[in-house]
Protein backbone atom coordinates (compact mmCIF):
# COMPACT_ATOMS: atom_id res chain seq x y z
CA MET A 1 71.49 45.13 49.35
CA LEU A 2 68.18 46.90 50.01
CA SER A 3 69.56 49.90 48.30
CA SER A 4 70.30 47.85 45.29
CA LEU A 5 66.84 46.44 45.18
CA SER A 6 64.98 49.77 45.48
CA PRO A 7 65.38 50.81 41.80
CA MET A 8 64.25 47.46 40.65
CA LEU A 9 61.14 47.68 42.86
CA ALA A 10 60.42 51.15 41.61
CA ILE A 11 60.48 49.98 37.98
CA SER A 12 58.24 47.11 38.72
CA SER A 13 55.57 49.29 40.35
CA LEU A 14 55.63 51.65 37.32
CA GLU A 15 55.17 48.76 34.94
CA ILE A 16 52.35 47.49 37.11
CA ALA A 17 50.68 50.87 37.08
CA LEU A 18 50.99 51.00 33.31
CA ILE A 19 49.62 47.52 32.96
CA VAL A 20 46.64 48.39 35.12
CA ALA A 21 46.00 51.78 33.43
CA LEU A 22 46.19 50.49 29.78
CA PRO A 23 42.98 48.42 29.75
CA LEU A 24 41.17 51.18 31.51
CA SER A 25 42.17 53.76 28.93
CA ILE A 26 41.16 51.38 26.12
CA ALA A 27 37.74 50.87 27.68
CA ILE A 28 37.21 54.60 28.17
CA GLY A 29 38.25 55.30 24.56
CA THR A 30 35.93 52.64 23.29
CA LEU A 31 33.06 54.06 25.32
CA ILE A 32 33.74 57.56 24.06
CA GLY A 33 33.89 56.24 20.46
CA ILE A 34 30.54 54.47 20.89
CA VAL A 35 28.93 57.59 22.24
CA VAL A 36 30.32 59.71 19.39
CA TYR A 37 29.26 57.15 16.72
CA LYS A 38 25.76 56.99 18.23
CA LYS A 39 25.39 60.75 18.08
CA LEU A 40 26.67 60.82 14.50
CA THR A 41 24.32 58.03 13.55
CA GLU A 42 21.35 59.80 15.10
CA LYS A 43 22.32 62.96 13.23
CA ARG A 44 22.58 61.07 9.93
CA ILE A 45 19.25 59.36 10.52
CA GLY A 46 17.65 62.74 11.14
CA SER A 47 19.08 64.20 7.95
CA SER A 48 18.03 61.07 6.01
CA LYS A 49 14.47 61.40 7.26
CA THR A 50 14.44 65.03 6.29
CA GLU A 51 15.77 64.19 2.80
CA ALA A 52 13.25 61.34 2.45
CA SER A 53 10.36 63.58 3.34
CA ARG A 54 11.64 66.19 0.86
CA ILE A 55 11.94 63.55 -1.91
CA LEU A 56 8.43 62.31 -1.16
CA GLU A 57 7.10 65.79 -1.39
CA ASP A 58 8.88 66.39 -4.72
CA ALA A 59 7.55 63.09 -6.05
CA ARG A 60 4.01 64.07 -5.07
CA LEU A 61 4.39 67.42 -6.86
CA GLU A 62 5.92 65.82 -9.95
CA ALA A 63 3.19 63.16 -10.08
CA LYS A 64 0.55 65.84 -9.85
CA THR A 65 2.25 67.79 -12.69
CA MET A 66 2.56 64.67 -14.90
CA ARG A 67 -1.11 63.85 -14.32
CA LYS A 68 -2.10 67.33 -15.41
CA GLU A 69 0.11 67.06 -18.55
CA ALA A 70 -1.31 63.63 -19.39
CA LEU A 71 -4.83 64.97 -19.08
CA LEU A 72 -3.97 67.87 -21.35
CA GLU A 73 -2.40 65.57 -23.93
CA ALA A 74 -5.38 63.24 -23.83
CA LYS A 75 -7.74 66.14 -24.40
CA GLU A 76 -5.59 67.42 -27.33
CA GLU A 77 -5.47 63.92 -28.93
CA GLN A 78 -9.23 63.58 -28.48
CA LEU A 79 -9.72 66.94 -30.15
CA ARG A 80 -7.38 66.01 -33.02
CA LEU A 81 -9.11 62.66 -33.61
CA ARG A 82 -12.49 64.38 -33.56
CA ASN A 83 -11.32 66.90 -36.20
CA GLU A 84 -9.87 64.14 -38.41
CA PHE A 85 -13.06 62.11 -38.11
CA GLU A 86 -15.17 65.10 -39.06
CA LYS A 87 -12.89 65.87 -42.04
CA GLU A 88 -12.93 62.26 -43.27
CA SER A 89 -16.70 62.08 -42.81
CA LYS A 90 -17.08 65.23 -44.87
CA GLN A 91 -14.93 63.82 -47.70
CA ARG A 92 -16.87 60.56 -47.69
CA ARG A 93 -20.13 62.47 -47.90
CA ILE A 94 -18.77 64.38 -50.90
CA GLU A 95 -17.64 61.17 -52.62
CA LEU A 96 -21.00 59.53 -51.91
CA GLN A 97 -22.74 62.50 -53.44
CA LYS A 98 -20.53 62.27 -56.56
CA GLN A 99 -21.15 58.53 -56.88
CA GLU A 100 -24.86 59.12 -56.48
CA ALA A 101 -24.72 61.71 -59.28
CA ARG A 102 -22.77 59.30 -61.57
CA LEU A 103 -25.26 56.54 -60.85
CA ASN A 104 -28.11 58.87 -61.71
CA GLN A 105 -26.40 59.73 -65.03
CA LYS A 106 -25.85 56.05 -65.83
CA GLU A 107 -29.41 55.29 -65.01
CA ASP A 108 -30.56 58.05 -67.36
CA SER A 109 -28.27 56.76 -70.17
CA LEU A 110 -29.50 53.21 -69.63
CA ASP A 111 -33.06 54.43 -69.88
CA LYS A 112 -32.21 56.14 -73.19
CA LYS A 113 -30.49 53.00 -74.54
CA GLU A 114 -33.45 50.90 -73.50
CA ARG A 115 -35.81 53.19 -75.40
CA ILE A 116 -33.48 53.03 -78.47
CA MET A 117 -33.32 49.22 -78.25
CA ASP A 118 -37.08 49.03 -78.05
CA SER A 119 -37.38 51.14 -81.20
CA LYS A 120 -34.78 48.97 -83.00
CA LEU A 121 -36.61 45.81 -81.99
CA GLU A 122 -39.81 47.21 -83.40
CA LEU A 123 -37.93 48.08 -86.63
CA LEU A 124 -36.44 44.56 -86.79
CA GLU A 125 -39.85 43.02 -86.36
CA LYS A 126 -41.17 45.10 -89.21
CA THR A 127 -38.16 44.19 -91.39
CA LYS A 128 -38.60 40.51 -90.57
CA LEU A 129 -42.22 40.61 -91.62
CA GLU A 130 -41.27 42.36 -94.87
CA LEU A 131 -38.53 39.76 -95.57
CA GLU A 132 -40.92 36.88 -94.96
CA LYS A 133 -43.35 38.51 -97.34
CA LYS A 134 -40.63 38.95 -100.00
CA GLU A 135 -39.45 35.37 -99.50
CA LEU A 136 -42.94 34.11 -100.20
CA GLU A 137 -43.04 36.25 -103.34
CA LEU A 138 -39.66 34.88 -104.45
CA LYS A 139 -40.81 31.32 -103.92
CA GLU A 140 -43.85 31.95 -106.03
CA LYS A 141 -41.69 33.53 -108.77
CA GLN A 142 -39.23 30.59 -108.58
CA ILE A 143 -42.12 28.19 -109.09
CA GLU A 144 -43.25 30.23 -112.10
CA LEU A 145 -39.66 30.24 -113.47
CA ASP A 146 -39.37 26.49 -113.05
CA HIS A 147 -42.62 26.04 -115.01
CA HIS A 148 -41.37 28.40 -117.73
CA SER A 149 -37.95 26.70 -117.94
CA GLN A 150 -39.61 23.30 -118.13
CA ARG A 151 -41.85 24.46 -120.96
CA MET A 152 -38.80 26.00 -122.74
CA LEU A 153 -36.82 22.76 -122.38
CA GLU A 154 -39.71 20.80 -123.84
CA GLU A 155 -39.94 23.23 -126.76
CA LEU A 156 -36.13 23.14 -127.29
CA GLU A 157 -36.13 19.35 -127.27
CA LYS A 158 -38.91 19.41 -129.89
CA ILE A 159 -37.01 21.93 -132.06
CA ALA A 160 -33.50 20.37 -131.69
CA GLY A 161 -34.61 16.78 -131.66
CA LEU A 162 -32.32 16.12 -128.61
CA THR A 163 -33.07 15.16 -125.07
CA SER A 164 -31.79 17.21 -122.20
CA GLU A 165 -29.22 14.50 -121.29
CA GLU A 166 -27.85 14.46 -124.85
CA ALA A 167 -27.63 18.26 -124.96
CA LYS A 168 -25.93 18.21 -121.55
CA THR A 169 -23.37 15.69 -122.81
CA ILE A 170 -22.61 17.77 -125.91
CA LEU A 171 -22.28 20.92 -123.81
CA ILE A 172 -19.97 19.19 -121.30
CA ASP A 173 -17.75 17.89 -124.11
CA GLN A 174 -17.48 21.35 -125.63
CA MET A 175 -16.69 22.93 -122.26
CA THR A 176 -14.12 20.21 -121.51
CA GLU A 177 -12.36 20.84 -124.84
CA GLU A 178 -12.32 24.59 -124.24
CA ALA A 179 -11.04 24.05 -120.69
CA LYS A 180 -8.22 21.83 -122.00
CA LYS A 181 -7.20 24.49 -124.51
CA GLU A 182 -7.28 27.21 -121.86
CA ALA A 183 -5.39 24.98 -119.43
CA SER A 184 -2.68 24.19 -122.00
CA ALA A 185 -2.32 27.90 -122.76
CA ILE A 186 -2.11 28.71 -119.07
CA ILE A 187 0.42 25.91 -118.49
CA ARG A 188 2.53 27.13 -121.41
CA GLU A 189 2.39 30.66 -120.06
CA ILE A 190 3.34 29.46 -116.57
CA GLU A 191 6.22 27.39 -117.94
CA ASN A 192 7.53 30.32 -119.97
CA LYS A 193 7.19 32.63 -117.00
CA ALA A 194 8.91 30.11 -114.70
CA LYS A 195 11.69 29.69 -117.24
CA GLU A 196 12.18 33.42 -117.52
CA GLU A 197 12.14 33.86 -113.74
CA GLY A 198 14.49 30.89 -113.30
CA GLU A 199 16.95 32.32 -115.83
CA LYS A 200 16.69 35.72 -114.23
CA LYS A 201 17.28 34.31 -110.75
CA ALA A 202 20.19 32.17 -112.00
CA LYS A 203 21.76 35.23 -113.61
CA ASN A 204 21.30 37.21 -110.41
CA ILE A 205 22.88 34.46 -108.33
CA ILE A 206 25.83 34.09 -110.72
CA SER A 207 26.38 37.85 -110.97
CA LEU A 208 26.17 38.19 -107.18
CA ALA A 209 28.69 35.39 -106.73
CA ILE A 210 31.06 36.96 -109.27
CA GLN A 211 30.77 40.38 -107.62
CA ARG A 212 31.46 38.98 -104.14
CA CYS A 213 34.37 36.81 -105.27
CA ALA A 214 37.64 38.59 -104.50
CA VAL A 215 40.22 36.20 -105.98
CA ASP A 216 42.60 37.56 -108.57
CA HIS A 217 41.99 35.98 -111.94
CA SER A 218 44.81 37.51 -113.89
CA ALA A 219 46.95 35.03 -115.74
CA ASP A 220 50.21 34.06 -114.00
CA THR A 221 52.90 32.49 -116.15
CA THR A 222 55.70 30.25 -114.91
CA VAL A 223 59.05 31.84 -115.66
CA SER A 224 61.27 29.55 -117.74
CA VAL A 225 63.92 32.11 -118.71
CA VAL A 226 66.89 33.12 -116.53
CA GLU A 227 68.72 36.35 -117.26
CA LEU A 228 72.53 36.34 -117.05
CA PRO A 229 74.72 39.24 -115.94
CA ASN A 230 77.06 38.79 -118.92
CA GLU A 231 77.93 36.41 -121.74
CA GLU A 232 80.87 34.92 -119.84
CA MET A 233 78.41 33.34 -117.38
CA LYS A 234 77.23 30.97 -120.15
CA GLY A 235 80.66 29.35 -120.28
CA ARG A 236 80.78 28.95 -116.50
CA ILE A 237 77.31 27.38 -116.52
CA ILE A 238 78.40 24.90 -119.22
CA GLY A 239 81.65 24.10 -117.38
CA ARG A 240 84.62 22.10 -118.49
CA VAL A 241 83.53 19.47 -121.04
CA GLY A 242 79.93 20.42 -120.14
CA ARG A 243 80.10 18.93 -116.64
CA ASN A 244 78.25 21.81 -114.93
CA ILE A 245 75.29 21.86 -117.30
CA LYS A 246 75.06 18.06 -117.17
CA ALA A 247 75.04 18.18 -113.37
CA LEU A 248 72.30 20.84 -113.44
CA GLU A 249 70.13 18.82 -115.82
CA SER A 250 70.70 15.62 -113.83
CA VAL A 251 69.88 17.17 -110.47
CA THR A 252 66.86 19.27 -111.53
CA GLY A 253 65.42 17.02 -114.27
CA VAL A 254 64.91 19.84 -116.81
CA ASP A 255 66.58 20.69 -120.10
CA ILE A 256 68.82 23.78 -120.14
CA ILE A 257 69.08 25.51 -123.51
CA ILE A 258 71.96 27.90 -124.07
CA ASP A 259 71.73 29.42 -127.55
CA ASP A 260 72.72 32.63 -129.31
CA THR A 261 70.19 34.70 -127.41
CA PRO A 262 72.27 37.23 -125.48
CA ASP A 263 72.36 37.09 -121.68
CA VAL A 264 69.53 34.50 -121.46
CA VAL A 265 69.28 30.82 -120.51
CA THR A 266 66.05 28.92 -121.27
CA LEU A 267 64.73 26.13 -119.04
CA THR A 268 62.28 23.57 -120.45
CA GLY A 269 60.42 20.75 -118.75
CA PHE A 270 56.92 19.40 -118.32
CA ASP A 271 57.03 19.48 -114.50
CA PRO A 272 56.52 23.08 -113.35
CA VAL A 273 57.90 22.36 -109.87
CA ARG A 274 61.14 20.99 -111.28
CA ARG A 275 61.39 23.94 -113.64
CA GLU A 276 60.96 26.33 -110.69
CA ILE A 277 63.64 24.44 -108.71
CA ALA A 278 66.01 24.67 -111.69
CA ARG A 279 65.31 28.40 -112.10
CA LEU A 280 65.97 29.22 -108.44
CA THR A 281 69.05 26.96 -108.34
CA LEU A 282 70.53 28.66 -111.38
CA GLN A 283 69.81 32.11 -109.99
CA LYS A 284 71.48 31.28 -106.66
CA LEU A 285 74.52 29.80 -108.44
CA ILE A 286 74.87 32.91 -110.61
CA ALA A 287 74.62 35.14 -107.51
CA ASP A 288 77.12 32.97 -105.60
CA GLY A 289 79.59 32.73 -108.46
CA ARG A 290 80.88 29.28 -107.47
CA ILE A 291 79.58 26.86 -110.10
CA HIS A 292 80.74 23.26 -109.94
CA PRO A 293 78.96 19.88 -109.62
CA GLN A 294 79.23 19.62 -105.84
CA ARG A 295 78.02 23.17 -105.33
CA ILE A 296 75.19 22.57 -107.81
CA GLU A 297 73.99 19.55 -105.80
CA GLU A 298 74.15 21.50 -102.52
CA ILE A 299 72.20 24.49 -103.87
CA ALA A 300 69.63 22.26 -105.63
CA GLU A 301 69.02 20.25 -102.46
CA ARG A 302 68.55 23.43 -100.44
CA VAL A 303 66.17 24.89 -103.04
CA LYS A 304 64.14 21.64 -103.08
CA ARG A 305 63.68 21.84 -99.31
CA ASP A 306 62.61 25.50 -99.59
CA ILE A 307 60.19 24.74 -102.45
CA ASN A 308 58.65 21.80 -100.57
CA GLN A 309 58.16 24.03 -97.53
CA GLN A 310 56.61 26.74 -99.71
CA ILE A 311 54.33 24.18 -101.34
CA LYS A 312 53.05 23.04 -97.93
CA GLU A 313 52.58 26.65 -96.75
CA MET A 314 50.70 27.61 -99.92
CA GLY A 315 48.46 24.56 -99.58
CA ASP A 316 47.75 25.39 -95.94
CA ALA A 317 47.01 29.00 -96.90
CA ALA A 318 44.58 27.91 -99.63
CA VAL A 319 42.72 25.61 -97.23
CA PHE A 320 42.64 28.30 -94.53
CA ASP A 321 41.51 31.09 -96.90
CA THR A 322 38.62 28.99 -98.22
CA GLY A 323 37.56 28.04 -94.68
CA LEU A 324 37.89 24.27 -95.16
CA TYR A 325 39.16 21.93 -92.47
CA GLY A 326 40.01 18.26 -92.27
CA VAL A 327 41.67 18.10 -95.70
CA HIS A 328 44.23 15.28 -95.89
CA PRO A 329 47.85 16.57 -95.58
CA GLU A 330 48.82 14.94 -98.89
CA LEU A 331 45.98 16.73 -100.66
CA VAL A 332 47.16 19.98 -99.04
CA LYS A 333 50.64 19.42 -100.52
CA LEU A 334 49.14 18.72 -103.95
CA LEU A 335 47.15 21.96 -103.69
CA GLY A 336 50.40 23.81 -103.02
CA ARG A 337 51.94 22.25 -106.15
CA LEU A 338 49.13 23.82 -108.21
CA LYS A 339 50.76 27.21 -107.54
CA TYR A 340 53.39 26.26 -110.14
CA ARG A 341 50.85 24.85 -112.61
CA THR A 342 49.12 26.96 -115.26
CA SER A 343 46.28 26.21 -117.66
CA TYR A 344 46.02 28.52 -120.68
CA GLY A 345 48.13 30.96 -118.69
CA GLN A 346 45.78 30.87 -115.67
CA ASN A 347 47.30 29.86 -112.35
CA VAL A 348 45.53 26.64 -111.35
CA LEU A 349 45.70 27.25 -107.57
CA ASN A 350 44.13 30.71 -107.90
CA HIS A 351 41.58 29.23 -110.30
CA SER A 352 40.72 26.44 -107.81
CA MET A 353 40.28 28.93 -104.96
CA GLU A 354 38.10 31.12 -107.17
CA VAL A 355 35.94 28.14 -108.13
CA ALA A 356 35.59 27.26 -104.42
CA TYR A 357 34.47 30.81 -103.58
CA LEU A 358 32.01 31.01 -106.49
CA ALA A 359 30.52 27.57 -105.81
CA GLY A 360 30.17 28.36 -102.10
CA LEU A 361 28.45 31.69 -102.72
CA MET A 362 26.01 30.20 -105.23
CA ALA A 363 25.30 27.26 -102.88
CA GLN A 364 24.54 29.72 -100.10
CA GLU A 365 22.08 31.60 -102.31
CA LEU A 366 20.35 28.35 -103.34
CA GLY A 367 20.32 26.77 -99.88
CA ALA A 368 22.65 23.91 -100.92
CA ASP A 369 25.54 22.39 -98.95
CA VAL A 370 28.09 25.23 -98.88
CA LYS A 371 30.97 23.20 -97.42
CA THR A 372 30.61 20.41 -99.97
CA ALA A 373 30.44 22.91 -102.86
CA LYS A 374 33.53 24.79 -101.65
CA ARG A 375 35.48 21.59 -100.98
CA ALA A 376 34.65 20.17 -104.43
CA GLY A 377 35.50 23.51 -106.05
CA LEU A 378 38.90 23.64 -104.36
CA LEU A 379 39.78 20.03 -105.25
CA HIS A 380 38.19 19.83 -108.74
CA ASP A 381 41.57 20.28 -110.56
CA ILE A 382 43.73 18.44 -108.00
CA GLY A 383 44.71 15.92 -110.70
CA LYS A 384 46.64 18.64 -112.56
CA ALA A 385 49.23 18.67 -109.77
CA VAL A 386 50.56 15.23 -110.84
CA ASP A 387 49.15 14.71 -114.35
CA GLN A 388 52.73 14.58 -115.71
CA GLU A 389 53.50 11.58 -113.51
CA TYR A 390 50.37 9.43 -114.11
CA GLU A 391 48.44 8.27 -117.14
CA GLY A 392 44.92 9.50 -117.72
CA THR A 393 43.11 12.82 -117.68
CA HIS A 394 43.37 15.20 -114.77
CA ILE A 395 39.74 14.31 -113.91
CA GLN A 396 40.51 10.58 -113.60
CA ILE A 397 43.64 11.30 -111.58
CA GLY A 398 41.76 13.74 -109.34
CA VAL A 399 38.98 11.20 -108.67
CA GLU A 400 41.56 8.52 -107.78
CA LEU A 401 43.41 10.89 -105.44
CA ALA A 402 40.20 12.04 -103.72
CA ARG A 403 39.07 8.44 -103.26
CA LYS A 404 42.53 7.42 -102.01
CA TYR A 405 42.50 10.08 -99.30
CA LYS A 406 38.91 9.29 -98.17
CA GLU A 407 37.07 12.32 -99.51
CA ASN A 408 33.27 12.54 -99.43
CA GLU A 409 31.45 10.76 -102.28
CA LYS A 410 29.66 14.01 -103.18
CA VAL A 411 33.03 15.74 -103.57
CA ILE A 412 34.38 12.87 -105.68
CA HIS A 413 31.29 12.97 -107.91
CA ALA A 414 31.62 16.75 -108.39
CA ILE A 415 35.29 16.30 -109.41
CA ALA A 416 34.31 13.60 -111.91
CA ALA A 417 31.47 15.67 -113.40
CA HIS A 418 32.99 19.15 -113.53
CA HIS A 419 33.74 18.87 -117.28
CA GLY A 420 30.54 17.01 -118.14
CA ASP A 421 32.23 13.61 -118.62
CA ILE A 422 29.46 12.14 -116.50
CA GLU A 423 26.03 13.54 -115.70
CA ALA A 424 25.86 15.63 -112.53
CA ASN A 425 23.36 14.20 -110.04
CA SER A 426 23.67 16.81 -107.27
CA VAL A 427 23.24 20.54 -106.98
CA GLU A 428 26.80 20.93 -105.69
CA ALA A 429 28.24 19.20 -108.77
CA VAL A 430 26.28 21.51 -111.08
CA LEU A 431 27.48 24.55 -109.12
CA VAL A 432 31.11 23.42 -109.45
CA GLN A 433 30.59 23.08 -113.23
CA ALA A 434 29.14 26.60 -113.39
CA ALA A 435 31.86 28.10 -111.17
CA ASP A 436 34.60 26.41 -113.25
CA ALA A 437 33.10 27.84 -116.45
CA ILE A 438 32.74 31.32 -114.91
CA SER A 439 36.32 31.37 -113.65
CA GLY A 440 37.75 30.15 -116.94
CA SER A 441 35.66 32.38 -119.21
CA ARG A 442 36.27 35.72 -117.55
CA PRO A 443 38.02 38.34 -119.69
CA GLY A 444 41.74 38.06 -119.03
CA ALA A 445 41.44 34.92 -116.92
CA ARG A 446 43.02 32.68 -119.52
CA ARG A 447 45.20 33.35 -122.50
CA GLU A 448 45.52 31.32 -125.62
CA SER A 449 48.22 31.12 -128.23
CA LEU A 450 48.39 33.99 -130.71
CA GLU A 451 47.75 31.64 -133.61
CA ASN A 452 44.58 30.15 -132.10
CA TYR A 453 43.40 33.59 -131.08
CA VAL A 454 43.82 35.05 -134.56
CA LYS A 455 42.15 32.00 -136.15
CA ARG A 456 39.17 32.33 -133.87
CA LEU A 457 38.74 36.03 -134.68
CA GLU A 458 39.04 35.33 -138.42
CA LYS A 459 36.46 32.55 -138.23
CA LEU A 460 34.16 34.83 -136.24
CA GLU A 461 34.34 37.55 -138.89
CA ASN A 462 33.99 35.07 -141.77
CA LEU A 463 30.83 33.57 -140.27
CA ALA A 464 29.29 37.04 -139.97
CA ASN A 465 30.36 38.00 -143.52
CA SER A 466 28.70 34.87 -144.95
CA PHE A 467 25.21 36.36 -144.54
CA ALA A 468 23.58 38.24 -147.42
CA GLY A 469 23.51 41.98 -147.09
CA VAL A 470 26.56 42.16 -144.78
CA GLU A 471 29.05 44.74 -145.96
CA GLN A 472 31.79 44.26 -143.33
CA SER A 473 32.23 42.87 -139.80
CA TYR A 474 34.74 43.60 -137.06
CA ALA A 475 35.58 41.45 -134.04
CA ILE A 476 36.36 43.62 -131.00
CA GLN A 477 36.74 43.21 -127.24
CA ALA A 478 39.11 40.24 -127.70
CA GLY A 479 36.46 38.41 -129.72
CA ARG A 480 33.68 38.92 -127.20
CA GLU A 481 31.76 41.33 -129.46
CA ILE A 482 31.29 41.50 -133.22
CA ARG A 483 29.98 44.56 -135.00
CA VAL A 484 28.28 43.77 -138.31
CA ILE A 485 27.75 46.63 -140.78
CA VAL A 486 25.02 45.89 -143.33
CA GLN A 487 24.22 47.45 -146.71
CA PRO A 488 21.31 49.86 -146.09
CA ASP A 489 19.78 49.32 -149.55
CA LYS A 490 19.56 45.54 -149.06
CA VAL A 491 18.69 45.26 -145.34
CA ASP A 492 16.04 47.41 -143.73
CA ASP A 493 15.63 48.24 -140.03
CA ALA A 494 13.21 45.37 -139.38
CA GLN A 495 15.55 42.81 -140.93
CA THR A 496 18.49 43.81 -138.69
CA LEU A 497 16.78 42.16 -135.69
CA PHE A 498 16.37 38.82 -137.50
CA LEU A 499 19.91 39.06 -138.91
CA ALA A 500 21.40 39.50 -135.41
CA LYS A 501 19.51 36.42 -134.16
CA GLU A 502 20.59 34.31 -137.15
CA ILE A 503 24.24 35.29 -136.74
CA ALA A 504 24.09 34.48 -133.00
CA LYS A 505 22.58 31.04 -133.73
CA LYS A 506 25.24 30.27 -136.32
CA LEU A 507 28.03 31.30 -133.94
CA GLU A 508 26.59 29.04 -131.21
CA SER A 509 26.44 26.04 -133.56
CA GLU A 510 29.75 26.40 -135.44
CA LEU A 511 32.18 28.25 -133.17
CA GLU A 512 33.76 27.31 -129.82
CA TYR A 513 34.48 30.23 -127.53
CA PRO A 514 34.61 31.02 -123.81
CA GLY A 515 31.77 33.04 -122.28
CA GLN A 516 29.47 34.84 -124.70
CA ILE A 517 29.73 36.96 -127.86
CA LYS A 518 27.67 40.11 -128.35
CA VAL A 519 26.33 40.49 -131.92
CA ASN A 520 25.80 44.14 -132.81
CA VAL A 521 24.21 44.76 -136.24
CA ILE A 522 24.59 48.35 -137.52
CA ARG A 523 22.63 49.87 -140.41
CA GLU A 524 23.58 53.37 -141.48
CA LEU A 525 21.91 55.25 -144.33
CA ARG A 526 23.61 58.35 -145.69
CA SER A 527 22.12 60.72 -148.24
CA VAL A 528 24.66 62.91 -150.05
CA GLU A 529 23.90 65.79 -152.36
CA TYR A 530 26.11 68.54 -153.79
CA ALA A 531 25.05 72.16 -154.04
CA LYS A 532 26.37 73.77 -157.21
């Protein structure tokens, strides 16, 4: 049993020894560590002290160096400032010397001016004394003249037997009469000059307006003849028992004349729009080839719609081209209808636009109301669009239409006065009259019948031939010039001038014509001899 316990006791004593030895070893190790750490710390402290003393020494050296550098820099800056101060002082001394020299010069000049002024004052004093002396002499002479004039008046009164008041009255009356005569002559001269200048300015304004107006004024004629492809087409247009031609006349409202003229059908009617509808309808039927009453009605209805649309577009274009706005739509349609209306061969819509342009240009030159003048010019012939449908002149109809569609009173008055039926009371109305006359009297603007044209030329030549001494006369330039050849043995060169004026006066009083007629009197003297 003891043997079994011996190993257990042995283990226990070893464990006890280890337990006792472990704290001891820990304490020894701790002591050794403290000793080592203390030595290391002392060593570090020594090295730190050495480093600190070295740093202090370096700092002392660096501070000494910086102090030396600062002293050097301060000395350099002091030297630089001293140099700059000396330089600036030198410049100021130079400037002061210059200013002193300028002041000395000014002082010298002032001294000279003062001496000159003193001399001028002395001269003025002398002049003043001389003037006072002359004034006294003049007063004395004036007194002498007054005495002489008084004595002369007394002697004149004795000689003439009139007092001075009576002579004054007579003299004033004579001078007043002479002044009136001179004034009347001057007034007459001014009036003549003003008239000449006014006519010249009016001609310039009218010529400028005509030159700037760009509307075509050539005569447009409404076509009333339809050409046929062949003679057989006449029978198809007439139809069985004349039903086709009756349907055409009923639908379009125009008369259709089919005569012996080959390949031609003539359309007649007072309404130009209806005549245009009939012409286009007939042309479309001929091109289509199917001609019967139902087809005629269809084509005519289609053409009417197209024409109405064209009328509106042409009216809108006229209003837009003339720069007018706010025109009533019904008046715009009536303007479009004027495209199919002619007056003496002149297209009325083109004529109205031309009158609007001319009136507007002249109003601008005269400082009048341009819009009113242009509006009145465009609408002045609006009555011609429906003068076949209403009674009265185109002026009366135009005034009623303008009043119906609320146009301006100035525009209405210009429409009423554009042919002189009533007196124009505004500048715009007068300008519309002038523009209408200019547009209608241009060469080629209007055409007249051959018979009237020939009669007018014959009357023109007969009037010129009625004067004594006229050998022959010739109307040229479509009646706008007449050349009168006189007998040289009966009319001399001086008489040709008076003859031209007398012929012109007679033409103005007895002949109606558009525009003006140039009278050209020609005298030619020929001497013929034969050498044998």
